Every structure is written in C-alpha cells, then in structure tokens.
Amino acid sequence: MTKQDLKDAKFKEHVDAVEKHKALLEKLHLDSNTHLDEVSNSLQRLALTLEEYLKVIGIP
C-alpha cells in the first residue's frame, strides 16, 4: 500500500465516522431514547479516526 493509498483509506475511514456520528446525533435529536453510551462510543471513534488520519498526513 502506497502512502497515498494509506492517506486515502484513513481519510475515508474518518469521513465514514463523521457521517455515522452525524446520523446518530440526528437520531438523538429526533428520538431521545438513543443511549448516550452509543453517542459516546461514536464520538470516541470519530476522535480515533481523526487522530489516525492526522498522523498519516504528518500532523503529530
């Protein structure tokens, strides 16, 4: 896997995490029965994918 492939893959993973988190927040907004643990886990995933992407593009 080339460095560009890795960058592209990490970017896609982060974008997917953003989209899933957005959908979860919309669900929470419409239906307050969404468990906050699920939101917390999604936010942690979002932070992790961002951290991985930033490392790949050279931002420590």
Protein backbone atom coordinates (compact mmCIF):
# COMPACT_ATOMS: atom_id res chain seq x y z
CA MET A 1 0.00 0.00 0.00
CA THR A 2 1.45 3.36 -1.00
CA LYS A 3 1.48 6.36 1.29
CA GLN A 4 -1.24 7.97 -0.86
CA ASP A 5 -3.38 4.82 -0.57
CA LEU A 6 -2.95 4.92 3.19
CA LYS A 7 -3.89 8.62 3.30
CA ASP A 8 -6.95 7.94 1.16
CA ALA A 9 -8.00 4.98 3.32
CA LYS A 10 -7.61 6.91 6.59
CA PHE A 11 -9.48 9.87 5.13
CA LYS A 12 -12.33 7.61 4.03
CA GLU A 13 -12.47 5.97 7.47
CA HIS A 14 -12.73 9.38 9.11
CA VAL A 15 -15.41 10.62 6.70
CA ASP A 16 -17.41 7.44 7.35
CA ALA A 17 -17.09 8.00 11.10
CA VAL A 18 -18.27 11.62 10.69
CA GLU A 19 -21.29 10.54 8.66
CA LYS A 20 -22.23 7.81 11.16
CA HIS A 21 -21.85 10.21 14.08
CA LYS A 22 -23.98 12.82 12.30
CA ALA A 23 -26.71 10.25 11.70
CA LEU A 24 -26.56 9.21 15.34
CA LEU A 25 -26.88 12.83 16.51
CA GLU A 26 -29.85 13.35 14.19
CA LYS A 27 -31.44 10.20 15.65
CA LEU A 28 -30.80 11.52 19.17
CA HIS A 29 -32.34 14.86 18.22
CA LEU A 30 -35.49 13.18 16.91
CA ASP A 31 -35.70 10.36 19.45
CA SER A 32 -34.24 10.94 22.88
CA ASN A 33 -34.29 7.18 23.53
CA THR A 34 -30.88 6.86 21.88
CA HIS A 35 -28.44 5.69 24.52
CA LEU A 36 -25.75 8.17 25.41
CA ASP A 37 -23.22 5.32 25.56
CA GLU A 38 -23.78 4.83 21.84
CA VAL A 39 -23.16 8.54 21.23
CA SER A 40 -20.04 8.45 23.40
CA ASN A 41 -18.65 5.43 21.54
CA SER A 42 -19.32 7.14 18.23
CA LEU A 43 -17.53 10.28 19.38
CA GLN A 44 -14.54 8.21 20.51
CA ARG A 45 -14.44 6.51 17.09
CA LEU A 46 -14.56 9.92 15.44
CA ALA A 47 -11.61 11.15 17.52
CA LEU A 48 -9.61 7.99 16.82
CA THR A 49 -10.10 8.15 13.06
CA LEU A 50 -9.15 11.84 13.06
CA GLU A 51 -6.01 11.10 15.07
CA GLU A 52 -5.02 8.30 12.67
CA TYR A 53 -5.61 10.50 9.63
CA LEU A 54 -3.60 13.38 11.06
CA LYS A 55 -0.68 11.05 11.79
CA VAL A 56 -0.72 9.77 8.21
CA ILE A 57 -0.63 13.28 6.73
CA GLY A 58 2.21 14.27 9.06
CA ILE A 59 0.50 16.23 11.81
CA PRO A 60 1.52 14.75 15.17
